[in-house]
Amino acid sequence: MQSLLWRHAGNDPNAIHLDPDVATRAGFRAPILSGLNTLGFACRALVHGVAGGAPDRLRSLAGRFASPGYNGDALTTEIWTGDDLGRDARGDRHALFRIVNQDGAVLIEHGVATIST
């Protein structure tokens, strides 16, 4: 269901996110979530968890797509913050994050977000 909503909202033309046969031929057990969709979960969690609900405070976001997510996965964004993570030249702080599913598989790893102060 999530892939269908993302496909409609984002005009995603990639059948690997929708068609079970295409996904299976590509080596997946089912259609996979779009990486951008998965990253969107991290963005939302960072905005609400670290940026005080203000999306304009999320200045940058980076991470490595490590494993595919599937429709029905329960995604958790784990976030680490603290002064020991440093600040950039403007004084903005960093937060580290990753996304895991209900089985403990890491979908996005080595995530770094810059949050304006």
Protein backbone atom coordinates (compact mmCIF):
# COMPACT_ATOMS: atom_id res chain seq x y z
CA MET A 1 0.00 0.00 0.00
CA GLN A 2 2.76 2.47 0.94
CA SER A 3 4.48 1.92 -2.42
CA LEU A 4 1.23 2.59 -4.26
CA LEU A 5 0.69 5.85 -2.37
CA TRP A 6 4.30 6.91 -2.99
CA ARG A 7 4.06 5.97 -6.67
CA HIS A 8 0.99 8.16 -7.05
CA ALA A 9 2.27 11.12 -5.03
CA GLY A 10 5.80 11.07 -6.43
CA ASN A 11 5.06 9.91 -9.97
CA ASP A 12 7.43 6.95 -9.48
CA PRO A 13 7.78 5.07 -12.79
CA ASN A 14 9.91 2.19 -11.41
CA ALA A 15 7.94 -1.08 -11.51
CA ILE A 16 10.21 -2.65 -8.87
CA HIS A 17 8.21 -0.66 -6.31
CA LEU A 18 4.88 -2.00 -7.58
CA ASP A 19 5.04 -5.18 -9.65
CA PRO A 20 5.78 -8.45 -7.77
CA ASP A 21 7.09 -10.14 -10.93
CA VAL A 22 9.55 -7.35 -11.66
CA ALA A 23 10.71 -7.32 -8.04
CA THR A 24 11.18 -11.09 -8.01
CA ARG A 25 13.18 -11.02 -11.25
CA ALA A 26 15.40 -8.36 -9.65
CA GLY A 27 16.07 -10.70 -6.70
CA PHE A 28 13.66 -9.29 -4.10
CA ARG A 29 10.94 -11.22 -2.30
CA ALA A 30 8.33 -8.55 -3.11
CA PRO A 31 8.10 -4.96 -4.38
CA ILE A 32 10.46 -2.75 -2.40
CA LEU A 33 9.86 0.66 -0.86
CA SER A 34 11.38 3.56 -2.73
CA GLY A 35 14.60 4.73 -1.10
CA LEU A 36 13.27 8.29 -1.12
CA ASN A 37 10.12 7.11 0.63
CA THR A 38 12.22 5.42 3.30
CA LEU A 39 14.38 8.53 3.65
CA GLY A 40 11.18 10.54 4.06
CA PHE A 41 10.44 8.58 7.24
CA ALA A 42 13.83 9.69 8.59
CA CYS A 43 13.16 13.31 7.61
CA ARG A 44 9.86 13.32 9.46
CA ALA A 45 11.36 11.75 12.57
CA LEU A 46 14.27 14.21 12.56
CA VAL A 47 12.02 17.23 12.08
CA HIS A 48 9.77 16.18 14.96
CA GLY A 49 12.42 14.65 17.20
CA VAL A 50 15.35 17.05 16.82
CA ALA A 51 14.25 20.16 14.92
CA GLY A 52 11.33 21.08 17.16
CA GLY A 53 8.76 20.38 14.43
CA ALA A 54 10.25 23.05 12.12
CA PRO A 55 11.14 21.51 8.74
CA ASP A 56 13.15 24.58 7.73
CA ARG A 57 15.67 23.73 10.48
CA LEU A 58 16.66 20.49 8.71
CA ARG A 59 19.49 21.84 6.54
CA SER A 60 20.95 18.62 5.13
CA LEU A 61 20.50 14.88 5.22
CA ALA A 62 22.76 12.04 4.06
CA GLY A 63 22.88 8.30 4.55
CA ARG A 64 23.60 4.97 2.87
CA PHE A 65 20.80 2.75 1.60
CA ALA A 66 21.81 -0.59 3.14
CA SER A 67 18.83 -2.96 2.70
CA PRO A 68 15.47 -2.84 0.98
CA GLY A 69 12.28 -2.10 2.85
CA TYR A 70 8.98 -3.76 2.01
CA ASN A 71 5.33 -2.79 2.25
CA GLY A 72 4.11 -3.58 5.74
CA ASP A 73 7.50 -3.07 7.40
CA ALA A 74 7.41 -1.23 10.70
CA LEU A 75 10.16 1.38 10.32
CA THR A 76 11.95 2.91 13.29
CA THR A 77 14.26 5.89 13.00
CA GLU A 78 16.97 5.76 15.67
CA ILE A 79 18.53 9.17 16.34
CA TRP A 80 21.63 10.16 18.29
CA THR A 81 22.34 13.77 19.21
CA GLY A 82 24.68 15.60 21.53
CA ASP A 83 27.28 18.30 21.71
CA ASP A 84 30.00 15.68 21.24
CA LEU A 85 28.79 15.21 17.63
CA GLY A 86 30.06 18.67 16.81
CA ARG A 87 28.82 21.71 14.98
CA ASP A 88 29.55 23.11 11.56
CA ALA A 89 31.01 26.55 10.72
CA ARG A 90 27.58 28.20 11.15
CA GLY A 91 27.07 26.64 14.55
CA ASP A 92 24.47 24.16 13.29
CA ARG A 93 24.51 20.83 15.10
CA HIS A 94 24.63 17.29 13.78
CA ALA A 95 22.42 14.31 14.48
CA LEU A 96 23.24 10.74 13.53
CA PHE A 97 20.46 8.36 12.50
CA ARG A 98 19.58 5.03 10.98
CA ILE A 99 16.36 3.29 9.99
CA VAL A 100 15.64 -0.29 11.03
CA ASN A 101 12.67 -2.52 10.40
CA GLN A 102 10.82 -4.83 12.79
CA ASP A 103 13.35 -7.63 12.15
CA GLY A 104 16.34 -5.42 13.00
CA ALA A 105 17.48 -5.06 9.40
CA VAL A 106 19.14 -1.69 8.82
CA LEU A 107 17.56 0.00 5.81
CA ILE A 108 19.49 3.30 5.99
CA GLU A 109 22.81 3.45 7.84
CA HIS A 110 25.48 6.07 8.55
CA GLY A 111 22.84 8.81 8.46
CA VAL A 112 23.90 12.36 9.26
CA ALA A 113 21.57 15.34 9.49
CA THR A 114 22.45 18.99 10.01
CA ILE A 115 19.99 20.90 12.18
CA SER A 116 20.05 24.69 12.40
CA THR A 117 20.08 26.16 15.88
